[in-house]
Amino acid sequence: MIRKVEIAGVNTANLPMLSNEEKQELLIRIKNGDKEARETFINGNLRLVLSVVQRFTRKRRKYG
């Protein structure tokens, strides 16, 4: 079962999840100038960014 969570209009179920090993490999490739690895790394962290946005949006609504 895939849980669909939509944050800021983005379905997080469609976002990739990177393992720690994948992140380390991508970081090495990024340091060597691999632009595709950079995009993959950014997209792999988008879920985290969206969760932070959601958390602060809820706090703002609660106190705003």
PDB file of N, CA and C in Angstrom:
ATOM      1  N   MET A   1       0.838  -1.188   0.000  1.00  0.00           N
ATOM      2  CA  MET A   1       0.000   0.000   0.000  1.00  0.00           C
ATOM      3  C   MET A   1       0.879   1.247   0.000  1.00  0.00           C
ATOM      4  N   ILE A   2       0.661   2.110  -0.950  1.00  0.00           N
ATOM      5  CA  ILE A   2       1.403   3.362  -1.036  1.00  0.00           C
ATOM      6  C   ILE A   2       0.582   4.453  -0.372  1.00  0.00           C
ATOM      7  N   ARG A   3       1.209   5.118   0.593  1.00  0.00           N
ATOM      8  CA  ARG A   3       0.522   6.216   1.271  1.00  0.00           C
ATOM      9  C   ARG A   3       0.763   7.485   0.489  1.00  0.00           C
ATOM     10  N   LYS A   4      -0.306   8.130   0.100  1.00  0.00           N
ATOM     11  CA  LYS A   4      -0.207   9.381  -0.632  1.00  0.00           C
ATOM     12  C   LYS A   4      -0.293  10.522   0.372  1.00  0.00           C
ATOM     13  N   VAL A   5       0.748  11.292   0.431  1.00  0.00           N
ATOM     14  CA  VAL A   5       0.770  12.482   1.263  1.00  0.00           C
ATOM     15  C   VAL A   5       1.121  13.630   0.337  1.00  0.00           C
ATOM     16  N   GLU A   6       0.247  14.605   0.275  1.00  0.00           N
ATOM     17  CA  GLU A   6       0.487  15.739  -0.602  1.00  0.00           C
ATOM     18  C   GLU A   6       0.876  16.943   0.238  1.00  0.00           C
ATOM     19  N   ILE A   7       2.054  17.494  -0.085  1.00  0.00           N
ATOM     20  CA  ILE A   7       2.567  18.659   0.615  1.00  0.00           C
ATOM     21  C   ILE A   7       2.897  19.695  -0.438  1.00  0.00           C
ATOM     22  N   ALA A   8       2.347  20.875  -0.280  1.00  0.00           N
ATOM     23  CA  ALA A   8       2.597  21.979  -1.214  1.00  0.00           C
ATOM     24  C   ALA A   8       2.334  21.549  -2.652  1.00  0.00           C
ATOM     25  N   GLY A   9       1.322  20.722  -2.848  1.00  0.00           N
ATOM     26  CA  GLY A   9       0.942  20.294  -4.185  1.00  0.00           C
ATOM     27  C   GLY A   9       1.807  19.202  -4.769  1.00  0.00           C
ATOM     28  N   VAL A  10       2.706  18.606  -3.972  1.00  0.00           N
ATOM     29  CA  VAL A  10       3.587  17.542  -4.456  1.00  0.00           C
ATOM     30  C   VAL A  10       3.217  16.241  -3.765  1.00  0.00           C
ATOM     31  N   ASN A  11       2.985  15.199  -4.559  1.00  0.00           N
ATOM     32  CA  ASN A  11       2.679  13.880  -4.017  1.00  0.00           C
ATOM     33  C   ASN A  11       3.998  13.248  -3.576  1.00  0.00           C
ATOM     34  N   THR A  12       4.209  13.112  -2.280  1.00  0.00           N
ATOM     35  CA  THR A  12       5.474  12.602  -1.767  1.00  0.00           C
ATOM     36  C   THR A  12       5.667  11.119  -2.050  1.00  0.00           C
ATOM     37  N   ALA A  13       4.612  10.404  -2.383  1.00  0.00           N
ATOM     38  CA  ALA A  13       4.747   8.982  -2.714  1.00  0.00           C
ATOM     39  C   ALA A  13       5.550   8.802  -3.995  1.00  0.00           C
ATOM     40  N   ASN A  14       5.593   9.819  -4.847  1.00  0.00           N
ATOM     41  CA  ASN A  14       6.330   9.733  -6.108  1.00  0.00           C
ATOM     42  C   ASN A  14       7.783  10.159  -5.975  1.00  0.00           C
ATOM     43  N   LEU A  15       8.179  10.635  -4.810  1.00  0.00           N
ATOM     44  CA  LEU A  15       9.548  11.107  -4.618  1.00  0.00           C
ATOM     45  C   LEU A  15      10.456   9.932  -4.255  1.00  0.00           C
ATOM     46  N   PRO A  16      11.681   9.931  -4.773  1.00  0.00           N
ATOM     47  CA  PRO A  16      12.607   8.829  -4.468  1.00  0.00           C
ATOM     48  C   PRO A  16      13.118   8.917  -3.032  1.00  0.00           C
ATOM     49  N   MET A  17      13.407   7.749  -2.478  1.00  0.00           N
ATOM     50  CA  MET A  17      14.042   7.687  -1.163  1.00  0.00           C
ATOM     51  C   MET A  17      15.439   7.128  -1.372  1.00  0.00           C
ATOM     52  N   LEU A  18      16.435   7.817  -0.865  1.00  0.00           N
ATOM     53  CA  LEU A  18      17.820   7.394  -1.027  1.00  0.00           C
ATOM     54  C   LEU A  18      18.334   6.751   0.260  1.00  0.00           C
ATOM     55  N   SER A  19      19.069   5.644   0.094  1.00  0.00           N
ATOM     56  CA  SER A  19      19.709   5.020   1.253  1.00  0.00           C
ATOM     57  C   SER A  19      20.962   5.832   1.594  1.00  0.00           C
ATOM     58  N   ASN A  20      21.526   5.592   2.756  1.00  0.00           N
ATOM     59  CA  ASN A  20      22.743   6.304   3.154  1.00  0.00           C
ATOM     60  C   ASN A  20      23.888   6.006   2.182  1.00  0.00           C
ATOM     61  N   GLU A  21      23.949   4.761   1.712  1.00  0.00           N
ATOM     62  CA  GLU A  21      24.993   4.391   0.763  1.00  0.00           C
ATOM     63  C   GLU A  21      24.829   5.154  -0.552  1.00  0.00           C
ATOM     64  N   GLU A  22      23.595   5.275  -1.018  1.00  0.00           N
ATOM     65  CA  GLU A  22      23.335   6.022  -2.247  1.00  0.00           C
ATOM     66  C   GLU A  22      23.709   7.489  -2.083  1.00  0.00           C
ATOM     67  N   LYS A  23      23.395   8.058  -0.924  1.00  0.00           N
ATOM     68  CA  LYS A  23      23.741   9.457  -0.663  1.00  0.00           C
ATOM     69  C   LYS A  23      25.251   9.661  -0.681  1.00  0.00           C
ATOM     70  N   GLN A  24      25.981   8.747  -0.054  1.00  0.00           N
ATOM     71  CA  GLN A  24      27.439   8.854  -0.026  1.00  0.00           C
ATOM     72  C   GLN A  24      28.019   8.772  -1.438  1.00  0.00           C
ATOM     73  N   GLU A  25      27.510   7.838  -2.241  1.00  0.00           N
ATOM     74  CA  GLU A  25      27.977   7.691  -3.616  1.00  0.00           C
ATOM     75  C   GLU A  25      27.677   8.953  -4.433  1.00  0.00           C
ATOM     76  N   LEU A  26      26.477   9.480  -4.248  1.00  0.00           N
ATOM     77  CA  LEU A  26      26.101  10.696  -4.976  1.00  0.00           C
ATOM     78  C   LEU A  26      26.980  11.879  -4.573  1.00  0.00           C
ATOM     79  N   LEU A  27      27.291  11.996  -3.283  1.00  0.00           N
ATOM     80  CA  LEU A  27      28.140  13.093  -2.822  1.00  0.00           C
ATOM     81  C   LEU A  27      29.530  13.026  -3.450  1.00  0.00           C
ATOM     82  N   ILE A  28      30.067  11.826  -3.574  1.00  0.00           N
ATOM     83  CA  ILE A  28      31.367  11.660  -4.221  1.00  0.00           C
ATOM     84  C   ILE A  28      31.281  12.094  -5.684  1.00  0.00           C
ATOM     85  N   ARG A  29      30.228  11.649  -6.359  1.00  0.00           N
ATOM     86  CA  ARG A  29      30.054  12.026  -7.769  1.00  0.00           C
ATOM     87  C   ARG A  29      29.846  13.533  -7.925  1.00  0.00           C
ATOM     88  N   ILE A  30      29.109  14.148  -6.985  1.00  0.00           N
ATOM     89  CA  ILE A  30      28.868  15.595  -7.031  1.00  0.00           C
ATOM     90  C   ILE A  30      30.196  16.334  -6.893  1.00  0.00           C
ATOM     91  N   LYS A  31      31.055  15.884  -5.964  1.00  0.00           N
ATOM     92  CA  LYS A  31      32.362  16.524  -5.774  1.00  0.00           C
ATOM     93  C   LYS A  31      33.220  16.436  -7.031  1.00  0.00           C
ATOM     94  N   ASN A  32      32.954  15.422  -7.850  1.00  0.00           N
ATOM     95  CA  ASN A  32      33.692  15.258  -9.106  1.00  0.00           C
ATOM     96  C   ASN A  32      33.014  15.977 -10.263  1.00  0.00           C
ATOM     97  N   GLY A  33      31.965  16.761  -9.965  1.00  0.00           N
ATOM     98  CA  GLY A  33      31.341  17.596 -10.984  1.00  0.00           C
ATOM     99  C   GLY A  33      30.172  16.976 -11.736  1.00  0.00           C
ATOM    100  N   ASP A  34      29.629  15.866 -11.245  1.00  0.00           N
ATOM    101  CA  ASP A  34      28.519  15.193 -11.924  1.00  0.00           C
ATOM    102  C   ASP A  34      27.208  15.935 -11.656  1.00  0.00           C
ATOM    103  N   LYS A  35      26.698  16.618 -12.669  1.00  0.00           N
ATOM    104  CA  LYS A  35      25.471  17.414 -12.517  1.00  0.00           C
ATOM    105  C   LYS A  35      24.233  16.529 -12.361  1.00  0.00           C
ATOM    106  N   GLU A  36      24.210  15.377 -13.006  1.00  0.00           N
ATOM    107  CA  GLU A  36      23.072  14.454 -12.873  1.00  0.00           C
ATOM    108  C   GLU A  36      22.987  13.919 -11.444  1.00  0.00           C
ATOM    109  N   ALA A  37      24.134  13.625 -10.833  1.00  0.00           N
ATOM    110  CA  ALA A  37      24.161  13.165  -9.438  1.00  0.00           C
ATOM    111  C   ALA A  37      23.634  14.257  -8.515  1.00  0.00           C
ATOM    112  N   ARG A  38      23.960  15.502  -8.829  1.00  0.00           N
ATOM    113  CA  ARG A  38      23.474  16.634  -8.022  1.00  0.00           C
ATOM    114  C   ARG A  38      21.955  16.714  -8.060  1.00  0.00           C
ATOM    115  N   GLU A  39      21.380  16.589  -9.257  1.00  0.00           N
ATOM    116  CA  GLU A  39      19.919  16.621  -9.396  1.00  0.00           C
ATOM    117  C   GLU A  39      19.267  15.464  -8.651  1.00  0.00           C
ATOM    118  N   THR A  40      19.863  14.286  -8.755  1.00  0.00           N
ATOM    119  CA  THR A  40      19.329  13.110  -8.056  1.00  0.00           C
ATOM    120  C   THR A  40      19.370  13.325  -6.553  1.00  0.00           C
ATOM    121  N   PHE A  41      20.457  13.895  -6.049  1.00  0.00           N
ATOM    122  CA  PHE A  41      20.598  14.160  -4.617  1.00  0.00           C
ATOM    123  C   PHE A  41      19.570  15.178  -4.144  1.00  0.00           C
ATOM    124  N   ILE A  42      19.394  16.232  -4.916  1.00  0.00           N
ATOM    125  CA  ILE A  42      18.408  17.261  -4.561  1.00  0.00           C
ATOM    126  C   ILE A  42      17.013  16.672  -4.529  1.00  0.00           C
ATOM    127  N   ASN A  43      16.647  15.915  -5.545  1.00  0.00           N
ATOM    128  CA  ASN A  43      15.317  15.302  -5.583  1.00  0.00           C
ATOM    129  C   ASN A  43      15.134  14.290  -4.462  1.00  0.00           C
ATOM    130  N   GLY A  44      16.206  13.610  -4.074  1.00  0.00           N
ATOM    131  CA  GLY A  44      16.139  12.640  -2.978  1.00  0.00           C
ATOM    132  C   GLY A  44      15.898  13.308  -1.638  1.00  0.00           C
ATOM    133  N   ASN A  45      16.270  14.572  -1.514  1.00  0.00           N
ATOM    134  CA  ASN A  45      16.058  15.302  -0.259  1.00  0.00           C
ATOM    135  C   ASN A  45      14.805  16.170  -0.262  1.00  0.00           C
ATOM    136  N   LEU A  46      14.089  16.154  -1.345  1.00  0.00           N
ATOM    137  CA  LEU A  46      12.888  16.985  -1.459  1.00  0.00           C
ATOM    138  C   LEU A  46      11.823  16.586  -0.440  1.00  0.00           C
ATOM    139  N   ARG A  47      11.722  15.312  -0.137  1.00  0.00           N
ATOM    140  CA  ARG A  47      10.746  14.841   0.861  1.00  0.00           C
ATOM    141  C   ARG A  47      11.014  15.500   2.215  1.00  0.00           C
ATOM    142  N   LEU A  48      12.282  15.586   2.605  1.00  0.00           N
ATOM    143  CA  LEU A  48      12.664  16.230   3.863  1.00  0.00           C
ATOM    144  C   LEU A  48      12.307  17.708   3.843  1.00  0.00           C
ATOM    145  N   VAL A  49      12.635  18.375   2.763  1.00  0.00           N
ATOM    146  CA  VAL A  49      12.342  19.805   2.640  1.00  0.00           C
ATOM    147  C   VAL A  49      10.845  20.055   2.765  1.00  0.00           C
ATOM    148  N   LEU A  50      10.046  19.238   2.087  1.00  0.00           N
ATOM    149  CA  LEU A  50       8.595  19.417   2.127  1.00  0.00           C
ATOM    150  C   LEU A  50       8.033  19.151   3.521  1.00  0.00           C
ATOM    151  N   SER A  51       8.620  18.191   4.240  1.00  0.00           N
ATOM    152  CA  SER A  51       8.129  17.925   5.594  1.00  0.00           C
ATOM    153  C   SER A  51       8.418  19.098   6.520  1.00  0.00           C
ATOM    154  N   VAL A  52       9.570  19.753   6.343  1.00  0.00           N
ATOM    155  CA  VAL A  52       9.903  20.939   7.143  1.00  0.00           C
ATOM    156  C   VAL A  52       8.943  22.077   6.802  1.00  0.00           C
ATOM    157  N   VAL A  53       8.672  22.264   5.509  1.00  0.00           N
ATOM    158  CA  VAL A  53       7.718  23.294   5.084  1.00  0.00           C
ATOM    159  C   VAL A  53       6.354  23.035   5.713  1.00  0.00           C
ATOM    160  N   GLN A  54       5.922  21.792   5.689  1.00  0.00           N
ATOM    161  CA  GLN A  54       4.614  21.449   6.253  1.00  0.00           C
ATOM    162  C   GLN A  54       4.577  21.722   7.760  1.00  0.00           C
ATOM    163  N   ARG A  55       5.642  21.375   8.450  1.00  0.00           N
ATOM    164  CA  ARG A  55       5.681  21.579   9.895  1.00  0.00           C
ATOM    165  C   ARG A  55       5.564  23.061  10.246  1.00  0.00           C
ATOM    166  N   PHE A  56       6.323  23.910   9.547  1.00  0.00           N
ATOM    167  CA  PHE A  56       6.283  25.331   9.844  1.00  0.00           C
ATOM    168  C   PHE A  56       4.991  25.981   9.376  1.00  0.00           C
ATOM    169  N   THR A  57       4.381  25.456   8.330  1.00  0.00           N
ATOM    170  CA  THR A  57       3.093  25.974   7.873  1.00  0.00           C
ATOM    171  C   THR A  57       2.026  25.707   8.931  1.00  0.00           C
ATOM    172  N   ARG A  58       2.054  24.505   9.513  1.00  0.00           N
ATOM    173  CA  ARG A  58       1.078  24.185  10.560  1.00  0.00           C
ATOM    174  C   ARG A  58       1.266  25.084  11.769  1.00  0.00           C
ATOM    175  N   LYS A  59       2.524  25.316  12.178  1.00  0.00           N
ATOM    176  CA  LYS A  59       2.771  26.178  13.335  1.00  0.00           C
ATOM    177  C   LYS A  59       2.288  27.592  13.075  1.00  0.00           C
ATOM    178  N   ARG A  60       2.497  28.067  11.867  1.00  0.00           N
ATOM    179  CA  ARG A  60       2.088  29.424  11.522  1.00  0.00           C
ATOM    180  C   ARG A  60       0.571  29.560  11.574  1.00  0.00           C
ATOM    181  N   ARG A  61      -0.137  28.564  11.070  1.00  0.00           N
ATOM    182  CA  ARG A  61      -1.606  28.588  11.102  1.00  0.00           C
ATOM    183  C   ARG A  61      -2.107  28.540  12.540  1.00  0.00           C
ATOM    184  N   LYS A  62      -1.419  27.748  13.365  1.00  0.00           N
ATOM    185  CA  LYS A  62      -1.826  27.577  14.758  1.00  0.00           C
ATOM    186  C   LYS A  62      -1.673  28.886  15.542  1.00  0.00           C
ATOM    187  N   TYR A  63      -0.579  29.608  15.284  1.00  0.00           N
ATOM    188  CA  TYR A  63      -0.301  30.814  16.041  1.00  0.00           C
ATOM    189  C   TYR A  63      -0.637  32.101  15.299  1.00  0.00           C
ATOM    190  N   GLY A  64      -0.845  31.977  13.969  1.00  0.00           N
ATOM    191  CA  GLY A  64      -1.070  33.174  13.167  1.00  0.00           C
ATOM    192  C   GLY A  64      -2.476  33.551  13.171  1.00  0.00           C
TER     193      GLY A  64
END
